[in-house]
């Protein structure tokens, strides 16, 4: 006889039942863009990547600012 009254769910359904907030998605994409822009800025190989580095970093920063205002 068990005292645990919680229904038993498979592990997979508990993992996939978590919701992903728009804020966390926007912040993750923004962080990736910022890091990519900085890497593009510091690489010595391609002038084209260097040319777009400021734009990519600026877009990532703007997305982070806007994404931080989204609901959790």
Protein backbone atom coordinates (compact mmCIF):
# COMPACT_ATOMS: atom_id res chain seq x y z
CA UNK A 1 0.00 0.00 0.00
CA UNK A 2 1.46 3.37 -1.02
CA UNK A 3 0.77 6.77 0.47
CA UNK A 4 1.68 8.65 -2.70
CA UNK A 5 -1.51 10.00 -4.32
CA UNK A 6 0.10 11.67 -7.32
CA UNK A 7 -0.71 10.05 -10.65
CA UNK A 8 2.18 8.31 -12.31
CA UNK A 9 3.15 9.85 -15.64
CA UNK A 10 5.80 8.64 -18.01
CA UNK A 11 9.02 10.61 -17.88
CA UNK A 12 8.68 11.77 -21.49
CA UNK A 13 5.31 13.41 -20.92
CA UNK A 14 6.67 15.38 -17.97
CA UNK A 15 9.64 16.64 -19.97
CA UNK A 16 7.59 17.68 -23.01
CA UNK A 17 4.81 19.25 -20.95
CA UNK A 18 7.03 22.21 -19.97
CA UNK A 19 6.14 25.37 -21.83
CA UNK A 20 8.74 27.52 -23.50
CA UNK A 21 8.17 31.22 -23.02
CA UNK A 22 8.59 33.68 -25.89
CA UNK A 23 10.93 35.68 -23.69
CA UNK A 24 13.40 32.83 -23.23
CA UNK A 25 13.37 32.04 -26.96
CA UNK A 26 13.96 35.69 -27.92
CA UNK A 27 16.75 36.09 -25.38
CA UNK A 28 18.46 32.88 -26.53
CA UNK A 29 18.35 33.93 -30.20
CA UNK A 30 19.56 37.42 -29.28
CA UNK A 31 22.47 36.02 -27.30
CA UNK A 32 23.48 33.80 -30.21
CA UNK A 33 23.34 36.79 -32.58
CA UNK A 34 25.44 38.95 -30.27
CA UNK A 35 28.09 36.25 -29.87
CA UNK A 36 28.11 35.60 -33.63
CA UNK A 37 28.52 39.32 -34.30
CA UNK A 38 31.47 39.60 -31.93
CA UNK A 39 33.13 36.53 -33.45
CA UNK A 40 32.57 38.00 -36.93
CA UNK A 41 34.19 41.22 -35.73
CA UNK A 42 37.32 39.53 -34.39
CA UNK A 43 38.02 37.05 -37.18
CA UNK A 44 40.90 37.96 -39.54
CA UNK A 45 39.84 36.00 -42.64
CA UNK A 46 36.83 37.51 -44.38
CA UNK A 47 36.16 41.18 -45.00
CA UNK A 48 32.50 40.38 -45.77
CA UNK A 49 31.95 38.84 -42.32
CA UNK A 50 33.67 41.84 -40.75
CA UNK A 51 31.41 44.18 -42.74
CA UNK A 52 28.23 42.57 -41.40
CA UNK A 53 29.46 42.11 -37.82
CA UNK A 54 28.16 45.44 -36.54
CA UNK A 55 24.75 44.85 -38.12
CA UNK A 56 24.44 41.37 -36.61
CA UNK A 57 25.52 42.61 -33.18
CA UNK A 58 23.08 45.52 -33.37
CA UNK A 59 20.20 43.24 -34.37
CA UNK A 60 21.01 40.89 -31.50
CA UNK A 61 21.08 43.77 -29.03
CA UNK A 62 17.78 45.17 -30.30
CA UNK A 63 16.17 41.71 -30.12
CA UNK A 64 17.43 41.30 -26.56
CA UNK A 65 15.96 44.65 -25.51
CA UNK A 66 12.60 43.90 -27.13
CA UNK A 67 12.60 40.26 -26.02
CA UNK A 68 13.20 41.18 -22.40
CA UNK A 69 9.88 43.02 -22.44
CA UNK A 70 7.94 39.90 -23.49
CA UNK A 71 5.94 37.93 -20.90
CA UNK A 72 7.49 34.92 -19.19
